[in-house]
Amino acid sequence: MMTGMFAAANAETVNTADPQTAAAVEMTEAKRVKPGARAGADVYFECSVPLRVAPSRSAEKITTVRGGDIATYKGQSAYDERGVEWLKVKIYGMTGWVSSKNVHFD
């Protein structure tokens, strides 16, 4: 289990000395893309999120991906100006970018 301080994606520092907080941070971090994540992996959506043309909240929306749906990871990720990780995925026959905040790899 992680202990100490952790810089969360939203730039606030979280004290992980508390066991409950440490477990929550560990679970959140486990969902993020890990180095070596391979193209072709399934990406699971926890809720509805916009599929965008670029890895940014301000980029044009292509469509909305429904919660519970599964996309294919294209092997690329990028970080926006807020430090949020975005994943390039293919779903519904379209390719675009989704925020990693509400998705996970199984």
Protein backbone atom coordinates (compact mmCIF):
# COMPACT_ATOMS: atom_id res chain seq x y z
CA MET A 1 0.00 0.00 0.00
CA MET A 2 1.18 3.54 -0.76
CA THR A 3 2.01 5.90 2.07
CA GLY A 4 3.17 9.51 2.14
CA MET A 5 2.09 12.33 -0.16
CA PHE A 6 0.64 11.90 -3.64
CA ALA A 7 0.05 14.63 -6.24
CA ALA A 8 -3.38 13.90 -7.65
CA ALA A 9 -4.33 14.59 -11.27
CA ASN A 10 -6.18 17.74 -10.24
CA ALA A 11 -2.90 19.11 -8.78
CA GLU A 12 -3.92 18.89 -5.14
CA THR A 13 -1.72 16.95 -2.75
CA VAL A 14 -3.34 14.03 -0.98
CA ASN A 15 -2.02 12.67 2.31
CA THR A 16 -1.80 8.92 1.81
CA ALA A 17 -0.72 8.18 5.37
CA ASP A 18 -4.41 7.55 6.12
CA PRO A 19 -5.09 3.90 5.12
CA GLN A 20 -8.49 4.65 3.53
CA THR A 21 -7.08 7.49 1.45
CA ALA A 22 -4.08 5.38 0.42
CA ALA A 23 -6.37 2.57 -0.74
CA ALA A 24 -8.50 4.99 -2.78
CA VAL A 25 -5.42 6.52 -4.42
CA GLU A 26 -4.00 3.07 -5.14
CA MET A 27 -7.28 1.98 -6.75
CA THR A 28 -7.45 5.18 -8.85
CA GLU A 29 -3.86 4.81 -9.99
CA ALA A 30 -4.44 1.17 -10.96
CA LYS A 31 -7.03 2.34 -13.49
CA ARG A 32 -4.66 4.68 -15.31
CA VAL A 33 -2.70 3.63 -18.36
CA LYS A 34 0.38 1.80 -17.27
CA PRO A 35 3.63 1.99 -19.21
CA GLY A 36 3.52 -0.81 -21.74
CA ALA A 37 -0.27 -0.77 -22.18
CA ARG A 38 -0.72 -2.26 -25.63
CA ALA A 39 -2.74 -1.12 -28.57
CA GLY A 40 -5.79 -3.32 -28.95
CA ALA A 41 -6.55 -3.47 -25.21
CA ASP A 42 -10.18 -3.07 -24.12
CA VAL A 43 -11.12 0.25 -22.48
CA TYR A 44 -14.21 0.12 -20.26
CA PHE A 45 -16.38 3.22 -19.72
CA GLU A 46 -17.77 3.78 -16.22
CA CYS A 47 -20.16 6.53 -17.38
CA SER A 48 -20.99 8.49 -20.54
CA VAL A 49 -18.08 10.62 -21.79
CA PRO A 50 -17.42 12.69 -24.91
CA LEU A 51 -15.21 11.28 -27.68
CA ARG A 52 -13.14 14.23 -28.94
CA VAL A 53 -11.00 14.99 -32.00
CA ALA A 54 -8.00 15.95 -29.82
CA PRO A 55 -6.84 15.30 -26.24
CA SER A 56 -8.43 18.40 -24.71
CA ARG A 57 -11.67 19.29 -22.97
CA SER A 58 -12.05 22.17 -25.44
CA ALA A 59 -11.61 20.00 -28.56
CA GLU A 60 -14.58 19.34 -30.83
CA LYS A 61 -16.86 16.52 -29.67
CA ILE A 62 -17.33 13.66 -32.15
CA THR A 63 -19.98 11.77 -30.18
CA THR A 64 -20.80 10.59 -26.66
CA VAL A 65 -19.60 7.16 -25.54
CA ARG A 66 -22.19 5.48 -23.33
CA GLY A 67 -21.30 4.16 -19.90
CA GLY A 68 -20.84 0.39 -19.97
CA ASP A 69 -19.53 0.37 -23.54
CA ILE A 70 -16.09 -0.96 -24.48
CA ALA A 71 -13.61 0.73 -26.85
CA THR A 72 -10.29 -0.40 -28.30
CA TYR A 73 -7.15 1.40 -27.10
CA LYS A 74 -5.10 2.65 -30.06
CA GLY A 75 -1.82 2.70 -28.12
CA GLN A 76 -1.53 6.47 -27.68
CA SER A 77 -2.04 8.70 -24.67
CA ALA A 78 -1.46 12.40 -24.04
CA TYR A 79 -1.83 14.91 -21.22
CA ASP A 80 -3.79 18.14 -21.47
CA GLU A 81 -2.99 21.53 -19.93
CA ARG A 82 -4.58 20.40 -16.63
CA GLY A 83 -2.45 17.27 -16.42
CA VAL A 84 -5.34 14.94 -17.26
CA GLU A 85 -4.41 11.87 -19.26
CA TRP A 86 -6.32 11.23 -22.51
CA LEU A 87 -6.49 7.96 -24.41
CA LYS A 88 -6.86 7.48 -28.15
CA VAL A 89 -9.60 4.88 -28.71
CA LYS A 90 -11.78 3.41 -31.44
CA ILE A 91 -15.48 2.87 -30.79
CA TYR A 92 -18.64 2.88 -32.93
CA GLY A 93 -16.35 2.84 -36.00
CA MET A 94 -14.85 6.21 -34.99
CA THR A 95 -11.44 7.08 -33.57
CA GLY A 96 -10.93 9.89 -31.08
CA TRP A 97 -9.75 10.85 -27.60
CA VAL A 98 -11.37 10.29 -24.19
CA SER A 99 -10.33 11.46 -20.75
CA SER A 100 -8.92 8.66 -18.62
CA LYS A 101 -10.84 9.89 -15.57
CA ASN A 102 -13.88 7.62 -16.09
CA VAL A 103 -12.41 4.64 -17.89
CA HIS A 104 -10.31 1.64 -16.96
CA PHE A 105 -8.51 -1.31 -18.45
CA ASP A 106 -9.57 -4.72 -17.18
